[in-house]
Amino acid sequence: MKRNFRRRFWVEAVLALVTGLLGLITPIWPDWIEILFDWDPDQHSGSVEWQIVGLLLLITVAMVVAATVEWRRTPAETSL
């Protein structure tokens, strides 16, 4: 069986992967945000980083759910 997914599925899957990876990297290496954006709103207290981890987790869950819905909507092709 083969499935032909729409572009929407691939966008959702890639966004889930990227946000999930960033959500895992942020607690391990929280300074990547300050290095990348040259912006330190919490003066190294870490509070903004934990808010970002929470937001990335929410986005990841939403994208996984959306990709799963798209996966289930895509019919499987059967070859005879």
PDB file of N, CA and C in Angstrom:
ATOM      1  N   MET A   1       0.829  -1.176   0.000  1.00  0.00           N
ATOM      2  CA  MET A   1       0.000   0.000   0.000  1.00  0.00           C
ATOM      3  C   MET A   1       0.880   1.248   0.000  1.00  0.00           C
ATOM      4  N   LYS A   2       0.446   2.205  -0.760  1.00  0.00           N
ATOM      5  CA  LYS A   2       1.165   3.458  -0.857  1.00  0.00           C
ATOM      6  C   LYS A   2       0.177   4.589  -0.629  1.00  0.00           C
ATOM      7  N   ARG A   3       0.654   5.629  -0.007  1.00  0.00           N
ATOM      8  CA  ARG A   3      -0.191   6.799   0.232  1.00  0.00           C
ATOM      9  C   ARG A   3       0.438   8.009  -0.449  1.00  0.00           C
ATOM     10  N   ASN A   4      -0.395   8.807  -1.055  1.00  0.00           N
ATOM     11  CA  ASN A   4       0.061  10.061  -1.649  1.00  0.00           C
ATOM     12  C   ASN A   4      -0.421  11.198  -0.763  1.00  0.00           C
ATOM     13  N   PHE A   5       0.482  11.666   0.082  1.00  0.00           N
ATOM     14  CA  PHE A   5       0.113  12.706   1.024  1.00  0.00           C
ATOM     15  C   PHE A   5       0.143  14.071   0.373  1.00  0.00           C
ATOM     16  N   ARG A   6      -0.755  14.920   0.857  1.00  0.00           N
ATOM     17  CA  ARG A   6      -0.768  16.298   0.398  1.00  0.00           C
ATOM     18  C   ARG A   6       0.394  17.055   1.045  1.00  0.00           C
ATOM     19  N   ARG A   7       0.684  18.192   0.491  1.00  0.00           N
ATOM     20  CA  ARG A   7       1.760  19.033   1.013  1.00  0.00           C
ATOM     21  C   ARG A   7       1.493  19.418   2.469  1.00  0.00           C
ATOM     22  N   ARG A   8       0.241  19.570   2.810  1.00  0.00           N
ATOM     23  CA  ARG A   8      -0.135  19.938   4.174  1.00  0.00           C
ATOM     24  C   ARG A   8       0.422  18.948   5.198  1.00  0.00           C
ATOM     25  N   PHE A   9       0.338  17.659   4.899  1.00  0.00           N
ATOM     26  CA  PHE A   9       0.870  16.647   5.814  1.00  0.00           C
ATOM     27  C   PHE A   9       2.362  16.853   6.034  1.00  0.00           C
ATOM     28  N   TRP A  10       3.098  17.063   4.950  1.00  0.00           N
ATOM     29  CA  TRP A  10       4.549  17.204   5.053  1.00  0.00           C
ATOM     30  C   TRP A  10       4.929  18.470   5.817  1.00  0.00           C
ATOM     31  N   VAL A  11       4.210  19.560   5.626  1.00  0.00           N
ATOM     32  CA  VAL A  11       4.471  20.790   6.374  1.00  0.00           C
ATOM     33  C   VAL A  11       4.241  20.557   7.861  1.00  0.00           C
ATOM     34  N   GLU A  12       3.133  19.904   8.192  1.00  0.00           N
ATOM     35  CA  GLU A  12       2.823  19.624   9.597  1.00  0.00           C
ATOM     36  C   GLU A  12       3.855  18.691  10.219  1.00  0.00           C
ATOM     37  N   ALA A  13       4.267  17.680   9.479  1.00  0.00           N
ATOM     38  CA  ALA A  13       5.248  16.727  10.004  1.00  0.00           C
ATOM     39  C   ALA A  13       6.604  17.393  10.224  1.00  0.00           C
ATOM     40  N   VAL A  14       7.037  18.226   9.290  1.00  0.00           N
ATOM     41  CA  VAL A  14       8.324  18.908   9.431  1.00  0.00           C
ATOM     42  C   VAL A  14       8.273  19.915  10.579  1.00  0.00           C
ATOM     43  N   LEU A  15       7.169  20.660  10.700  1.00  0.00           N
ATOM     44  CA  LEU A  15       7.043  21.603  11.810  1.00  0.00           C
ATOM     45  C   LEU A  15       7.048  20.872  13.155  1.00  0.00           C
ATOM     46  N   ALA A  16       6.395  19.728  13.225  1.00  0.00           N
ATOM     47  CA  ALA A  16       6.415  18.937  14.460  1.00  0.00           C
ATOM     48  C   ALA A  16       7.834  18.494  14.791  1.00  0.00           C
ATOM     49  N   LEU A  17       8.576  18.071  13.788  1.00  0.00           N
ATOM     50  CA  LEU A  17       9.948  17.634  14.004  1.00  0.00           C
ATOM     51  C   LEU A  17      10.840  18.790  14.471  1.00  0.00           C
ATOM     52  N   VAL A  18      10.752  19.923  13.795  1.00  0.00           N
ATOM     53  CA  VAL A  18      11.598  21.068  14.127  1.00  0.00           C
ATOM     54  C   VAL A  18      11.270  21.603  15.518  1.00  0.00           C
ATOM     55  N   THR A  19       9.986  21.807  15.814  1.00  0.00           N
ATOM     56  CA  THR A  19       9.628  22.328  17.128  1.00  0.00           C
ATOM     57  C   THR A  19       9.944  21.323  18.231  1.00  0.00           C
ATOM     58  N   GLY A  20       9.798  20.042  17.938  1.00  0.00           N
ATOM     59  CA  GLY A  20      10.152  19.023  18.919  1.00  0.00           C
ATOM     60  C   GLY A  20      11.640  19.026  19.225  1.00  0.00           C
ATOM     61  N   LEU A  21      12.454  19.134  18.189  1.00  0.00           N
ATOM     62  CA  LEU A  21      13.907  19.198  18.394  1.00  0.00           C
ATOM     63  C   LEU A  21      14.315  20.457  19.167  1.00  0.00           C
ATOM     64  N   LEU A  22      13.737  21.587  18.805  1.00  0.00           N
ATOM     65  CA  LEU A  22      14.050  22.822  19.531  1.00  0.00           C
ATOM     66  C   LEU A  22      13.588  22.735  20.981  1.00  0.00           C
ATOM     67  N   GLY A  23      12.449  22.074  21.201  1.00  0.00           N
ATOM     68  CA  GLY A  23      11.968  21.880  22.562  1.00  0.00           C
ATOM     69  C   GLY A  23      12.880  20.991  23.381  1.00  0.00           C
ATOM     70  N   LEU A  24      13.553  20.041  22.737  1.00  0.00           N
ATOM     71  CA  LEU A  24      14.512  19.187  23.440  1.00  0.00           C
ATOM     72  C   LEU A  24      15.861  19.879  23.639  1.00  0.00           C
ATOM     73  N   ILE A  25      16.260  20.694  22.687  1.00  0.00           N
ATOM     74  CA  ILE A  25      17.548  21.382  22.766  1.00  0.00           C
ATOM     75  C   ILE A  25      17.521  22.501  23.810  1.00  0.00           C
ATOM     76  N   THR A  26      16.407  23.202  23.925  1.00  0.00           N
ATOM     77  CA  THR A  26      16.342  24.382  24.787  1.00  0.00           C
ATOM     78  C   THR A  26      16.664  24.095  26.253  1.00  0.00           C
ATOM     79  N   PRO A  27      16.144  23.045  26.886  1.00  0.00           N
ATOM     80  CA  PRO A  27      16.537  22.802  28.289  1.00  0.00           C
ATOM     81  C   PRO A  27      18.004  22.386  28.431  1.00  0.00           C
ATOM     82  N   ILE A  28      18.547  21.731  27.404  1.00  0.00           N
ATOM     83  CA  ILE A  28      19.934  21.281  27.469  1.00  0.00           C
ATOM     84  C   ILE A  28      20.895  22.442  27.216  1.00  0.00           C
ATOM     85  N   TRP A  29      20.581  23.278  26.249  1.00  0.00           N
ATOM     86  CA  TRP A  29      21.441  24.402  25.865  1.00  0.00           C
ATOM     87  C   TRP A  29      20.572  25.656  25.714  1.00  0.00           C
ATOM     88  N   PRO A  30      20.166  26.266  26.834  1.00  0.00           N
ATOM     89  CA  PRO A  30      19.226  27.381  26.776  1.00  0.00           C
ATOM     90  C   PRO A  30      19.785  28.661  26.163  1.00  0.00           C
ATOM     91  N   ASP A  31      21.093  28.786  26.076  1.00  0.00           N
ATOM     92  CA  ASP A  31      21.675  30.021  25.549  1.00  0.00           C
ATOM     93  C   ASP A  31      21.632  30.130  24.032  1.00  0.00           C
ATOM     94  N   TRP A  32      21.114  29.104  23.330  1.00  0.00           N
ATOM     95  CA  TRP A  32      21.082  29.189  21.871  1.00  0.00           C
ATOM     96  C   TRP A  32      20.199  30.346  21.418  1.00  0.00           C
ATOM     97  N   ILE A  33      19.201  30.677  22.214  1.00  0.00           N
ATOM     98  CA  ILE A  33      18.289  31.764  21.852  1.00  0.00           C
ATOM     99  C   ILE A  33      19.032  33.102  21.904  1.00  0.00           C
ATOM    100  N   GLU A  34      19.776  33.319  22.993  1.00  0.00           N
ATOM    101  CA  GLU A  34      20.541  34.566  23.109  1.00  0.00           C
ATOM    102  C   GLU A  34      21.617  34.662  22.039  1.00  0.00           C
ATOM    103  N   ILE A  35      22.251  33.547  21.726  1.00  0.00           N
ATOM    104  CA  ILE A  35      23.308  33.551  20.712  1.00  0.00           C
ATOM    105  C   ILE A  35      22.733  33.820  19.326  1.00  0.00           C
ATOM    106  N   LEU A  36      21.645  33.155  19.002  1.00  0.00           N
ATOM    107  CA  LEU A  36      21.062  33.281  17.668  1.00  0.00           C
ATOM    108  C   LEU A  36      20.433  34.651  17.437  1.00  0.00           C
ATOM    109  N   PHE A  37      19.682  35.151  18.418  1.00  0.00           N
ATOM    110  CA  PHE A  37      18.939  36.397  18.235  1.00  0.00           C
ATOM    111  C   PHE A  37      19.600  37.604  18.890  1.00  0.00           C
ATOM    112  N   ASP A  38      20.700  37.384  19.632  1.00  0.00           N
ATOM    113  CA  ASP A  38      21.376  38.463  20.343  1.00  0.00           C
ATOM    114  C   ASP A  38      20.380  39.249  21.200  1.00  0.00           C
ATOM    115  N   TRP A  39      19.580  38.499  21.957  1.00  0.00           N
ATOM    116  CA  TRP A  39      18.500  39.066  22.746  1.00  0.00           C
ATOM    117  C   TRP A  39      18.415  38.294  24.051  1.00  0.00           C
ATOM    118  N   ASP A  40      18.449  38.980  25.186  1.00  0.00           N
ATOM    119  CA  ASP A  40      18.406  38.342  26.495  1.00  0.00           C
ATOM    120  C   ASP A  40      17.370  39.048  27.366  1.00  0.00           C
ATOM    121  N   PRO A  41      16.082  38.708  27.206  1.00  0.00           N
ATOM    122  CA  PRO A  41      15.036  39.434  27.936  1.00  0.00           C
ATOM    123  C   PRO A  41      14.997  39.129  29.430  1.00  0.00           C
ATOM    124  N   ASP A  42      15.529  37.994  29.868  1.00  0.00           N
ATOM    125  CA  ASP A  42      15.432  37.613  31.279  1.00  0.00           C
ATOM    126  C   ASP A  42      16.765  37.679  32.011  1.00  0.00           C
ATOM    127  N   GLN A  43      17.778  38.237  31.413  1.00  0.00           N
ATOM    128  CA  GLN A  43      19.103  38.390  32.008  1.00  0.00           C
ATOM    129  C   GLN A  43      19.605  37.068  32.610  1.00  0.00           C
ATOM    130  N   HIS A  44      19.533  36.021  31.812  1.00  0.00           N
ATOM    131  CA  HIS A  44      20.030  34.680  32.147  1.00  0.00           C
ATOM    132  C   HIS A  44      19.325  34.006  33.316  1.00  0.00           C
ATOM    133  N   SER A  45      18.091  34.402  33.624  1.00  0.00           N
ATOM    134  CA  SER A  45      17.370  33.710  34.699  1.00  0.00           C
ATOM    135  C   SER A  45      16.768  32.400  34.211  1.00  0.00           C
ATOM    136  N   GLY A  46      16.542  32.285  32.915  1.00  0.00           N
ATOM    137  CA  GLY A  46      16.014  31.051  32.340  1.00  0.00           C
ATOM    138  C   GLY A  46      14.510  30.990  32.253  1.00  0.00           C
ATOM    139  N   SER A  47      13.805  32.005  32.746  1.00  0.00           N
ATOM    140  CA  SER A  47      12.339  31.953  32.745  1.00  0.00           C
ATOM    141  C   SER A  47      11.762  32.002  31.330  1.00  0.00           C
ATOM    142  N   VAL A  48      12.343  32.820  30.477  1.00  0.00           N
ATOM    143  CA  VAL A  48      11.842  32.910  29.100  1.00  0.00           C
ATOM    144  C   VAL A  48      12.109  31.609  28.352  1.00  0.00           C
ATOM    145  N   GLU A  49      13.236  30.987  28.622  1.00  0.00           N
ATOM    146  CA  GLU A  49      13.547  29.719  27.961  1.00  0.00           C
ATOM    147  C   GLU A  49      12.513  28.648  28.313  1.00  0.00           C
ATOM    148  N   TRP A  50      12.094  28.595  29.567  1.00  0.00           N
ATOM    149  CA  TRP A  50      11.087  27.595  29.957  1.00  0.00           C
ATOM    150  C   TRP A  50       9.726  27.905  29.347  1.00  0.00           C
ATOM    151  N   GLN A  51       9.413  29.183  29.178  1.00  0.00           N
ATOM    152  CA  GLN A  51       8.182  29.541  28.484  1.00  0.00           C
ATOM    153  C   GLN A  51       8.255  29.113  27.019  1.00  0.00           C
ATOM    154  N   ILE A  52       9.417  29.281  26.424  1.00  0.00           N
ATOM    155  CA  ILE A  52       9.604  28.862  25.034  1.00  0.00           C
ATOM    156  C   ILE A  52       9.493  27.348  24.913  1.00  0.00           C
ATOM    157  N   VAL A  53      10.046  26.611  25.879  1.00  0.00           N
ATOM    158  CA  VAL A  53       9.926  25.150  25.869  1.00  0.00           C
ATOM    159  C   VAL A  53       8.446  24.754  25.933  1.00  0.00           C
ATOM    160  N   GLY A  54       7.685  25.396  26.788  1.00  0.00           N
ATOM    161  CA  GLY A  54       6.254  25.104  26.886  1.00  0.00           C
ATOM    162  C   GLY A  54       5.514  25.410  25.594  1.00  0.00           C
ATOM    163  N   LEU A  55       5.827  26.547  24.988  1.00  0.00           N
ATOM    164  CA  LEU A  55       5.199  26.922  23.719  1.00  0.00           C
ATOM    165  C   LEU A  55       5.580  25.944  22.609  1.00  0.00           C
ATOM    166  N   LEU A  56       6.852  25.568  22.553  1.00  0.00           N
ATOM    167  CA  LEU A  56       7.290  24.603  21.535  1.00  0.00           C
ATOM    168  C   LEU A  56       6.614  23.249  21.735  1.00  0.00           C
ATOM    169  N   LEU A  57       6.413  22.842  22.985  1.00  0.00           N
ATOM    170  CA  LEU A  57       5.710  21.597  23.268  1.00  0.00           C
ATOM    171  C   LEU A  57       4.270  21.655  22.772  1.00  0.00           C
ATOM    172  N   LEU A  58       3.602  22.771  23.022  1.00  0.00           N
ATOM    173  CA  LEU A  58       2.221  22.923  22.550  1.00  0.00           C
ATOM    174  C   LEU A  58       2.149  22.885  21.018  1.00  0.00           C
ATOM    175  N   ILE A  59       3.065  23.576  20.370  1.00  0.00           N
ATOM    176  CA  ILE A  59       3.089  23.582  18.906  1.00  0.00           C
ATOM    177  C   ILE A  59       3.381  22.186  18.371  1.00  0.00           C
ATOM    178  N   THR A  60       4.314  21.481  19.006  1.00  0.00           N
ATOM    179  CA  THR A  60       4.647  20.120  18.568  1.00  0.00           C
ATOM    180  C   THR A  60       3.446  19.205  18.672  1.00  0.00           C
ATOM    181  N   VAL A  61       2.751  19.253  19.800  1.00  0.00           N
ATOM    182  CA  VAL A  61       1.562  18.404  19.981  1.00  0.00           C
ATOM    183  C   VAL A  61       0.496  18.752  18.951  1.00  0.00           C
ATOM    184  N   ALA A  62       0.279  20.043  18.714  1.00  0.00           N
ATOM    185  CA  ALA A  62      -0.723  20.459  17.732  1.00  0.00           C
ATOM    186  C   ALA A  62      -0.358  19.982  16.328  1.00  0.00           C
ATOM    187  N   MET A  63       0.913  20.074  15.954  1.00  0.00           N
ATOM    188  CA  MET A  63       1.334  19.635  14.625  1.00  0.00           C
ATOM    189  C   MET A  63       1.270  18.114  14.488  1.00  0.00           C
ATOM    190  N   VAL A  64       1.583  17.385  15.544  1.00  0.00           N
ATOM    191  CA  VAL A  64       1.481  15.925  15.494  1.00  0.00           C
ATOM    192  C   VAL A  64       0.017  15.515  15.329  1.00  0.00           C
ATOM    193  N   VAL A  65      -0.872  16.159  16.062  1.00  0.00           N
ATOM    194  CA  VAL A  65      -2.301  15.847  15.932  1.00  0.00           C
ATOM    195  C   VAL A  65      -2.790  16.183  14.524  1.00  0.00           C
ATOM    196  N   ALA A  66      -2.409  17.348  14.010  1.00  0.00           N
ATOM    197  CA  ALA A  66      -2.836  17.742  12.661  1.00  0.00           C
ATOM    198  C   ALA A  66      -2.282  16.792  11.605  1.00  0.00           C
ATOM    199  N   ALA A  67      -1.025  16.392  11.737  1.00  0.00           N
ATOM    200  CA  ALA A  67      -0.442  15.451  10.774  1.00  0.00           C
ATOM    201  C   ALA A  67      -1.111  14.086  10.870  1.00  0.00           C
ATOM    202  N   THR A  68      -1.470  13.674  12.077  1.00  0.00           N
ATOM    203  CA  THR A  68      -2.154  12.391  12.249  1.00  0.00           C
ATOM    204  C   THR A  68      -3.529  12.419  11.592  1.00  0.00           C
ATOM    205  N   VAL A  69      -4.231  13.523  11.754  1.00  0.00           N
ATOM    206  CA  VAL A  69      -5.545  13.659  11.102  1.00  0.00           C
ATOM    207  C   VAL A  69      -5.378  13.590   9.586  1.00  0.00           C
ATOM    208  N   GLU A  70      -4.392  14.295   9.069  1.00  0.00           N
ATOM    209  CA  GLU A  70      -4.133  14.274   7.621  1.00  0.00           C
ATOM    210  C   GLU A  70      -3.729  12.872   7.156  1.00  0.00           C
ATOM    211  N   TRP A  71      -2.954  12.173   7.947  1.00  0.00           N
ATOM    212  CA  TRP A  71      -2.535  10.793   7.632  1.00  0.00           C
ATOM    213  C   TRP A  71      -3.775   9.902   7.481  1.00  0.00           C
ATOM    214  N   ARG A  72      -4.691  10.033   8.422  1.00  0.00           N
ATOM    215  CA  ARG A  72      -5.887   9.182   8.400  1.00  0.00           C
ATOM    216  C   ARG A  72      -6.835   9.543   7.264  1.00  0.00           C
ATOM    217  N   ARG A  73      -6.826  10.802   6.844  1.00  0.00           N
ATOM    218  CA  ARG A  73      -7.704  11.221   5.741  1.00  0.00           C
ATOM    219  C   ARG A  73      -7.199  10.768   4.382  1.00  0.00           C
ATOM    220  N   THR A  74      -5.912  10.499   4.286  1.00  0.00           N
ATOM    221  CA  THR A  74      -5.329  10.122   2.998  1.00  0.00           C
ATOM    222  C   THR A  74      -5.587   8.652   2.757  1.00  0.00           C
ATOM    223  N   PRO A  75      -6.306   8.333   1.692  1.00  0.00           N
ATOM    224  CA  PRO A  75      -6.597   6.914   1.430  1.00  0.00           C
ATOM    225  C   PRO A  75      -5.356   6.166   0.933  1.00  0.00           C
ATOM    226  N   ALA A  76      -5.293   4.917   1.271  1.00  0.00           N
ATOM    227  CA  ALA A  76      -4.211   4.081   0.801  1.00  0.00           C
ATOM    228  C   ALA A  76      -4.534   3.570  -0.598  1.00  0.00           C
ATOM    229  N   GLU A  77      -3.545   3.624  -1.480  1.00  0.00           N
ATOM    230  CA  GLU A  77      -3.744   3.113  -2.821  1.00  0.00           C
ATOM    231  C   GLU A  77      -3.491   1.613  -2.818  1.00  0.00           C
ATOM    232  N   THR A  78      -4.335   0.898  -3.467  1.00  0.00           N
ATOM    233  CA  THR A  78      -4.125  -0.537  -3.582  1.00  0.00           C
ATOM    234  C   THR A  78      -3.850  -0.869  -5.036  1.00  0.00           C
ATOM    235  N   SER A  79      -2.859  -1.661  -5.266  1.00  0.00           N
ATOM    236  CA  SER A  79      -2.538  -2.063  -6.626  1.00  0.00           C
ATOM    237  C   SER A  79      -3.056  -3.488  -6.854  1.00  0.00           C
ATOM    238  N   LEU A  80      -3.606  -3.685  -8.000  1.00  0.00           N
ATOM    239  CA  LEU A  80      -4.158  -5.007  -8.321  1.00  0.00           C
ATOM    240  C   LEU A  80      -3.244  -5.767  -9.209  1.00  0.00           C
TER     241      LEU A  80
END
